[in-house]
Amino acid sequence: MKKLLVIVVLGLLLVSCSDYKTKKLLENCADFKWEESTGLDINNAFPKLKNKLKNSGYEQDFKACELEMKLSPITFKEKYK
């Protein structure tokens, strides 16, 4: 029973870490695209992703990054890690 509990807890931790890494990759990509198109560093004004996504232009960049990640995941991970 203890072994099962340990396995479940470790599994949940790994899933949580994976989700965090995916969000961070997407945020790095969107930050890059935003800075490339506007010349501004969005991290100075909005350090949290939740606040960045309130900007419609940034949200579009984030969605474009999601699509790019789906189409070529290995290249995407190497480019934005």
N, C-alpha and C. Protein backbone atom coordinates (compact mmCIF):
# COMPACT_ATOMS: atom_id res chain seq x y z
N MET A 1 0.81 -1.20 0.00
CA MET A 1 0.00 0.00 0.00
C MET A 1 0.86 1.27 0.00
N LYS A 2 1.94 1.24 0.79
CA LYS A 2 2.84 2.39 0.85
C LYS A 2 3.52 2.63 -0.50
N LYS A 3 3.88 1.53 -1.15
CA LYS A 3 4.52 1.65 -2.46
C LYS A 3 3.58 2.30 -3.47
N LEU A 4 2.33 1.92 -3.42
CA LEU A 4 1.34 2.49 -4.33
C LEU A 4 1.19 3.99 -4.09
N LEU A 5 1.17 4.38 -2.84
CA LEU A 5 1.05 5.80 -2.49
C LEU A 5 2.26 6.58 -3.01
N VAL A 6 3.44 6.03 -2.84
CA VAL A 6 4.66 6.68 -3.33
C VAL A 6 4.61 6.83 -4.84
N ILE A 7 4.18 5.80 -5.54
CA ILE A 7 4.09 5.85 -7.00
C ILE A 7 3.09 6.91 -7.44
N VAL A 8 1.95 6.98 -6.80
CA VAL A 8 0.94 7.98 -7.15
C VAL A 8 1.47 9.39 -6.91
N VAL A 9 2.11 9.63 -5.78
CA VAL A 9 2.64 10.95 -5.47
C VAL A 9 3.72 11.35 -6.47
N LEU A 10 4.62 10.45 -6.77
CA LEU A 10 5.67 10.74 -7.75
C LEU A 10 5.08 11.01 -9.13
N GLY A 11 4.07 10.26 -9.50
CA GLY A 11 3.41 10.48 -10.78
C GLY A 11 2.78 11.86 -10.86
N LEU A 12 2.13 12.27 -9.80
CA LEU A 12 1.52 13.60 -9.77
C LEU A 12 2.57 14.70 -9.84
N LEU A 13 3.69 14.51 -9.17
CA LEU A 13 4.77 15.49 -9.22
C LEU A 13 5.33 15.63 -10.63
N LEU A 14 5.52 14.51 -11.30
CA LEU A 14 6.05 14.54 -12.66
C LEU A 14 5.09 15.23 -13.62
N VAL A 15 3.81 14.99 -13.47
CA VAL A 15 2.81 15.63 -14.33
C VAL A 15 2.82 17.14 -14.08
N SER A 16 2.90 17.54 -12.84
CA SER A 16 2.92 18.96 -12.51
C SER A 16 4.15 19.65 -13.09
N CYS A 17 5.29 19.01 -13.00
CA CYS A 17 6.52 19.59 -13.55
C CYS A 17 6.42 19.71 -15.05
N SER A 18 5.86 18.72 -15.70
CA SER A 18 5.72 18.73 -17.15
C SER A 18 4.84 19.88 -17.60
N ASP A 19 3.74 20.10 -16.90
CA ASP A 19 2.83 21.20 -17.24
C ASP A 19 3.53 22.54 -17.06
N TYR A 20 4.31 22.69 -16.00
CA TYR A 20 5.03 23.93 -15.74
C TYR A 20 6.05 24.19 -16.86
N LYS A 21 6.77 23.15 -17.26
CA LYS A 21 7.78 23.31 -18.31
C LYS A 21 7.13 23.70 -19.63
N THR A 22 5.99 23.11 -19.95
CA THR A 22 5.28 23.44 -21.18
C THR A 22 4.84 24.89 -21.18
N LYS A 23 4.27 25.35 -20.07
CA LYS A 23 3.85 26.75 -19.97
C LYS A 23 5.04 27.68 -20.09
N LYS A 24 6.15 27.32 -19.48
CA LYS A 24 7.34 28.17 -19.53
C LYS A 24 7.89 28.24 -20.95
N LEU A 25 7.89 27.13 -21.67
CA LEU A 25 8.34 27.13 -23.07
C LEU A 25 7.45 28.05 -23.92
N LEU A 26 6.14 27.92 -23.73
CA LEU A 26 5.21 28.75 -24.48
C LEU A 26 5.38 30.23 -24.13
N GLU A 27 5.60 30.51 -22.86
CA GLU A 27 5.81 31.89 -22.43
C GLU A 27 7.09 32.45 -23.04
N ASN A 28 8.16 31.67 -23.05
CA ASN A 28 9.42 32.11 -23.66
C ASN A 28 9.23 32.43 -25.13
N CYS A 29 8.51 31.58 -25.83
CA CYS A 29 8.22 31.79 -27.24
C CYS A 29 7.42 33.06 -27.46
N ALA A 30 6.35 33.24 -26.70
CA ALA A 30 5.49 34.41 -26.86
C ALA A 30 6.25 35.69 -26.49
N ASP A 31 7.08 35.63 -25.45
CA ASP A 31 7.90 36.78 -25.09
C ASP A 31 8.82 37.17 -26.24
N PHE A 32 9.43 36.16 -26.85
CA PHE A 32 10.33 36.40 -27.99
C PHE A 32 9.58 37.03 -29.15
N LYS A 33 8.43 36.48 -29.49
CA LYS A 33 7.64 37.01 -30.61
C LYS A 33 7.16 38.44 -30.31
N TRP A 34 6.75 38.68 -29.06
CA TRP A 34 6.28 40.02 -28.66
C TRP A 34 7.42 41.04 -28.79
N GLU A 35 8.58 40.66 -28.27
CA GLU A 35 9.72 41.58 -28.31
C GLU A 35 10.17 41.82 -29.75
N GLU A 36 10.11 40.78 -30.56
CA GLU A 36 10.50 40.89 -31.96
C GLU A 36 9.58 41.84 -32.73
N SER A 37 8.28 41.80 -32.45
CA SER A 37 7.32 42.62 -33.18
C SER A 37 7.18 44.04 -32.63
N THR A 38 7.38 44.22 -31.32
CA THR A 38 7.18 45.55 -30.73
C THR A 38 8.48 46.23 -30.34
N GLY A 39 9.53 45.46 -30.12
CA GLY A 39 10.78 46.02 -29.64
C GLY A 39 10.77 46.29 -28.14
N LEU A 40 9.71 45.86 -27.46
CA LEU A 40 9.57 46.09 -26.02
C LEU A 40 9.68 44.78 -25.25
N ASP A 41 10.24 44.87 -24.06
CA ASP A 41 10.33 43.70 -23.18
C ASP A 41 9.10 43.68 -22.29
N ILE A 42 8.20 42.75 -22.55
CA ILE A 42 6.93 42.70 -21.81
C ILE A 42 7.13 42.28 -20.35
N ASN A 43 8.25 41.64 -20.04
CA ASN A 43 8.49 41.20 -18.66
C ASN A 43 8.65 42.37 -17.70
N ASN A 44 9.07 43.53 -18.20
CA ASN A 44 9.22 44.70 -17.34
C ASN A 44 7.85 45.19 -16.87
N ALA A 45 6.88 45.18 -17.76
CA ALA A 45 5.55 45.68 -17.43
C ALA A 45 4.69 44.62 -16.75
N PHE A 46 4.79 43.39 -17.22
CA PHE A 46 3.94 42.30 -16.72
C PHE A 46 4.79 41.06 -16.44
N PRO A 47 5.25 40.89 -15.23
CA PRO A 47 6.10 39.72 -14.95
C PRO A 47 5.34 38.39 -14.91
N LYS A 48 4.03 38.42 -14.70
CA LYS A 48 3.27 37.16 -14.60
C LYS A 48 2.53 36.88 -15.91
N LEU A 49 2.49 35.60 -16.27
CA LEU A 49 1.83 35.17 -17.51
C LEU A 49 0.36 35.57 -17.52
N LYS A 50 -0.30 35.42 -16.38
CA LYS A 50 -1.72 35.75 -16.28
C LYS A 50 -1.98 37.20 -16.74
N ASN A 51 -1.12 38.11 -16.34
CA ASN A 51 -1.27 39.51 -16.72
C ASN A 51 -0.87 39.77 -18.17
N LYS A 52 0.13 39.06 -18.64
CA LYS A 52 0.56 39.20 -20.04
C LYS A 52 -0.57 38.82 -21.00
N LEU A 53 -1.30 37.76 -20.64
CA LEU A 53 -2.35 37.25 -21.52
C LEU A 53 -3.56 38.18 -21.61
N LYS A 54 -3.62 39.17 -20.77
CA LYS A 54 -4.70 40.17 -20.86
C LYS A 54 -4.49 41.09 -22.06
N ASN A 55 -3.28 41.14 -22.57
CA ASN A 55 -2.97 41.92 -23.76
C ASN A 55 -3.30 41.08 -24.99
N SER A 56 -4.19 41.55 -25.84
CA SER A 56 -4.66 40.73 -26.97
C SER A 56 -3.54 40.39 -27.95
N GLY A 57 -2.60 41.29 -28.14
CA GLY A 57 -1.48 41.01 -29.04
C GLY A 57 -0.60 39.90 -28.50
N TYR A 58 -0.33 39.95 -27.21
CA TYR A 58 0.47 38.91 -26.58
C TYR A 58 -0.27 37.57 -26.63
N GLU A 59 -1.58 37.63 -26.41
CA GLU A 59 -2.37 36.41 -26.44
C GLU A 59 -2.29 35.76 -27.83
N GLN A 60 -2.32 36.55 -28.87
CA GLN A 60 -2.20 36.01 -30.23
C GLN A 60 -0.84 35.37 -30.44
N ASP A 61 0.21 36.00 -29.92
CA ASP A 61 1.55 35.41 -30.01
C ASP A 61 1.60 34.08 -29.26
N PHE A 62 0.97 34.03 -28.09
CA PHE A 62 0.94 32.81 -27.29
C PHE A 62 0.22 31.68 -28.04
N LYS A 63 -0.89 32.01 -28.68
CA LYS A 63 -1.63 31.01 -29.46
C LYS A 63 -0.81 30.53 -30.65
N ALA A 64 -0.08 31.45 -31.28
CA ALA A 64 0.78 31.06 -32.41
C ALA A 64 1.87 30.10 -31.92
N CYS A 65 2.37 30.34 -30.73
CA CYS A 65 3.38 29.46 -30.15
C CYS A 65 2.80 28.07 -29.84
N GLU A 66 1.56 28.03 -29.37
CA GLU A 66 0.90 26.74 -29.11
C GLU A 66 0.81 25.93 -30.40
N LEU A 67 0.45 26.59 -31.48
CA LEU A 67 0.35 25.91 -32.77
C LEU A 67 1.72 25.43 -33.24
N GLU A 68 2.71 26.31 -33.11
CA GLU A 68 4.07 25.95 -33.50
C GLU A 68 4.57 24.74 -32.70
N MET A 69 4.22 24.70 -31.42
CA MET A 69 4.64 23.58 -30.56
C MET A 69 3.99 22.27 -31.01
N LYS A 70 2.73 22.34 -31.43
CA LYS A 70 2.04 21.14 -31.89
C LYS A 70 2.62 20.63 -33.21
N LEU A 71 3.01 21.55 -34.09
CA LEU A 71 3.49 21.16 -35.41
C LEU A 71 4.91 20.61 -35.39
N SER A 72 5.77 21.17 -34.55
CA SER A 72 7.16 20.69 -34.49
C SER A 72 7.67 20.75 -33.05
N PRO A 73 7.24 19.79 -32.24
CA PRO A 73 7.55 19.85 -30.81
C PRO A 73 9.04 19.78 -30.45
N ILE A 74 9.81 18.99 -31.15
CA ILE A 74 11.23 18.85 -30.81
C ILE A 74 11.97 20.14 -31.12
N THR A 75 11.76 20.68 -32.29
CA THR A 75 12.39 21.95 -32.67
C THR A 75 11.98 23.07 -31.72
N PHE A 76 10.70 23.09 -31.39
CA PHE A 76 10.18 24.11 -30.49
C PHE A 76 10.86 24.05 -29.13
N LYS A 77 10.97 22.86 -28.58
CA LYS A 77 11.59 22.70 -27.26
C LYS A 77 13.05 23.12 -27.27
N GLU A 78 13.76 22.78 -28.32
CA GLU A 78 15.17 23.16 -28.41
C GLU A 78 15.34 24.66 -28.60
N LYS A 79 14.43 25.26 -29.33
CA LYS A 79 14.54 26.69 -29.64
C LYS A 79 14.22 27.58 -28.44
N TYR A 80 13.24 27.18 -27.62
CA TYR A 80 12.74 28.07 -26.57
C TYR A 80 13.02 27.61 -25.14
N LYS A 81 13.90 26.63 -24.96
CA LYS A 81 14.18 26.20 -23.58
C LYS A 81 15.16 27.12 -22.92
